């Protein structure tokens, strides 16, 4: 039997969910700041790499769940989100439909997003002040 990691439910087309909207806004602002050299490129690379790794972790966990195999712990998924992987986590939840209905997981994930953004803002203000001209 050929099992896919994507849900068998039809995708909700043309639906901009809050998760996707927030991720797109973050990417746009972050990309603009990288382009203007307000942030170092390594920071953009860190978010990109961690988001990719987090998305892959969600995909592997979904596949393991479908096959009844060993799963990635929720703590590990949340830690990856906290460590700059939250854009990948939000996209994976939407596109893979994995961990999207568990309320406790969702609350902790949004807390990780807020903590990461607070840390990013603190780092930017402290080490990369943006000129207001």
Protein backbone atom coordinates (compact mmCIF):
# COMPACT_ATOMS: atom_id res chain seq x y z
CA UNK A 1 0.00 0.00 0.00
CA UNK A 2 1.42 3.35 -1.02
CA UNK A 3 0.87 5.79 1.83
CA UNK A 4 1.53 9.44 1.38
CA UNK A 5 2.63 11.78 4.13
CA UNK A 6 0.04 14.30 3.03
CA UNK A 7 -3.51 13.98 4.26
CA UNK A 8 -6.04 12.09 2.18
CA UNK A 9 -8.49 14.91 2.86
CA UNK A 10 -8.76 17.37 0.00
CA UNK A 11 -6.82 20.59 0.62
CA UNK A 12 -8.74 23.72 1.43
CA UNK A 13 -7.87 25.78 -1.60
CA UNK A 14 -7.56 29.55 -1.58
CA UNK A 15 -7.73 29.66 2.19
CA UNK A 16 -5.30 31.94 3.94
CA UNK A 17 -5.18 30.65 7.51
CA UNK A 18 -3.77 32.75 10.35
CA UNK A 19 -0.73 30.45 10.50
CA UNK A 20 0.06 30.93 6.82
CA UNK A 21 -0.64 34.68 7.03
CA UNK A 22 1.70 35.16 10.01
CA UNK A 23 4.40 33.06 8.36
CA UNK A 24 4.16 35.04 5.10
CA UNK A 25 4.28 38.38 6.93
CA UNK A 26 7.30 37.22 8.92
CA UNK A 27 9.09 36.04 5.77
CA UNK A 28 8.36 39.32 3.97
CA UNK A 29 9.60 41.52 6.83
CA UNK A 30 12.60 39.29 7.49
CA UNK A 31 13.55 39.20 3.78
CA UNK A 32 13.27 42.99 3.54
CA UNK A 33 15.51 43.39 6.58
CA UNK A 34 18.05 40.97 5.12
CA UNK A 35 17.94 42.80 1.79
CA UNK A 36 18.55 46.15 3.50
CA UNK A 37 21.42 44.57 5.47
CA UNK A 38 19.62 45.32 8.74
CA UNK A 39 20.19 41.68 9.74
CA UNK A 40 23.14 39.38 9.07
CA UNK A 41 22.70 36.72 6.39
CA UNK A 42 23.59 33.94 8.84
CA UNK A 43 20.41 34.72 10.78
CA UNK A 44 18.33 34.28 7.63
CA UNK A 45 20.17 31.03 6.95
CA UNK A 46 19.47 29.85 10.49
CA UNK A 47 15.71 30.42 10.13
CA UNK A 48 15.69 28.78 6.71
CA UNK A 49 17.65 25.73 7.85
CA UNK A 50 15.69 25.24 11.08
CA UNK A 51 12.37 25.70 9.27
CA UNK A 52 13.35 23.08 6.71
CA UNK A 53 14.51 20.65 9.40
CA UNK A 54 11.33 21.25 11.41
CA UNK A 55 9.11 20.69 8.36
CA UNK A 56 10.96 17.42 7.68
CA UNK A 57 10.52 16.38 11.33
CA UNK A 58 6.77 16.91 11.07
CA UNK A 59 6.64 14.92 7.82
CA UNK A 60 8.63 12.05 9.33
CA UNK A 61 6.49 12.07 12.46
CA UNK A 62 3.30 11.97 10.40
CA UNK A 63 4.63 9.04 8.38
CA UNK A 64 5.64 7.22 11.56
CA UNK A 65 2.19 7.82 13.05
CA UNK A 66 0.51 6.38 9.97
CA UNK A 67 2.75 3.31 10.08
CA UNK A 68 2.55 2.79 13.82
CA UNK A 69 6.29 3.35 14.20
CA UNK A 70 8.41 5.24 16.71
CA UNK A 71 7.41 8.92 16.82
CA UNK A 72 9.27 12.17 17.29
CA UNK A 73 8.50 13.53 20.74
CA UNK A 74 6.32 16.61 21.00
CA UNK A 75 9.02 18.24 23.11
CA UNK A 76 11.49 17.86 20.23
CA UNK A 77 9.02 19.35 17.73
CA UNK A 78 8.37 22.27 20.07
CA UNK A 79 12.08 22.80 20.73
CA UNK A 80 12.75 22.94 16.98
CA UNK A 81 9.99 25.55 16.66
CA UNK A 82 11.52 27.62 19.46
CA UNK A 83 14.99 27.43 17.89
CA UNK A 84 13.96 29.36 14.74
CA UNK A 85 11.98 26.54 13.11
CA UNK A 86 8.49 27.85 13.81
CA UNK A 87 7.82 29.01 10.22
CA UNK A 88 8.43 25.43 9.05
CA UNK A 89 6.27 24.09 11.89
CA UNK A 90 3.32 26.32 10.99
CA UNK A 91 3.60 25.44 7.31
CA UNK A 92 3.91 21.72 8.06
CA UNK A 93 0.84 21.75 10.30
CA UNK A 94 -1.18 23.36 7.53
CA UNK A 95 0.13 21.45 4.51
CA UNK A 96 0.63 18.06 6.12
CA UNK A 97 -2.36 18.38 8.45
CA UNK A 98 -0.27 17.02 11.27
CA UNK A 99 -0.66 18.04 14.91
CA UNK A 100 -3.22 20.60 13.80
CA UNK A 101 -6.17 19.50 15.91
CA UNK A 102 -4.44 18.94 19.26
CA UNK A 103 -5.23 22.07 21.28
CA UNK A 104 -2.53 21.64 23.94
CA UNK A 105 0.13 21.20 21.26
CA UNK A 106 -1.15 24.26 19.40
CA UNK A 107 -1.03 26.44 22.51
CA UNK A 108 2.54 25.44 23.28
CA UNK A 109 3.55 25.95 19.64
CA UNK A 110 2.15 29.49 19.63
CA UNK A 111 4.01 30.13 22.88
CA UNK A 112 7.22 28.96 21.16
CA UNK A 113 6.50 31.36 18.26
CA UNK A 114 6.03 34.27 20.67
CA UNK A 115 9.15 33.40 22.68
CA UNK A 116 11.22 33.11 19.50
CA UNK A 117 9.96 36.42 18.16
CA UNK A 118 10.60 38.12 21.51
CA UNK A 119 14.14 36.76 21.47
CA UNK A 120 14.65 37.86 17.87
CA UNK A 121 13.41 41.37 18.66
CA UNK A 122 15.70 41.56 21.71
CA UNK A 123 18.70 40.46 19.63
CA UNK A 124 17.91 42.91 16.83
CA UNK A 125 17.45 45.84 19.21
CA UNK A 126 20.61 45.02 21.15
CA UNK A 127 23.03 44.02 18.39
CA UNK A 128 21.60 45.24 15.08
CA UNK A 129 19.95 48.61 15.68
CA UNK A 130 17.95 49.69 12.67
CA UNK A 131 18.46 53.28 11.55
CA UNK A 132 15.21 55.20 11.38
CA UNK A 133 16.02 57.29 8.30
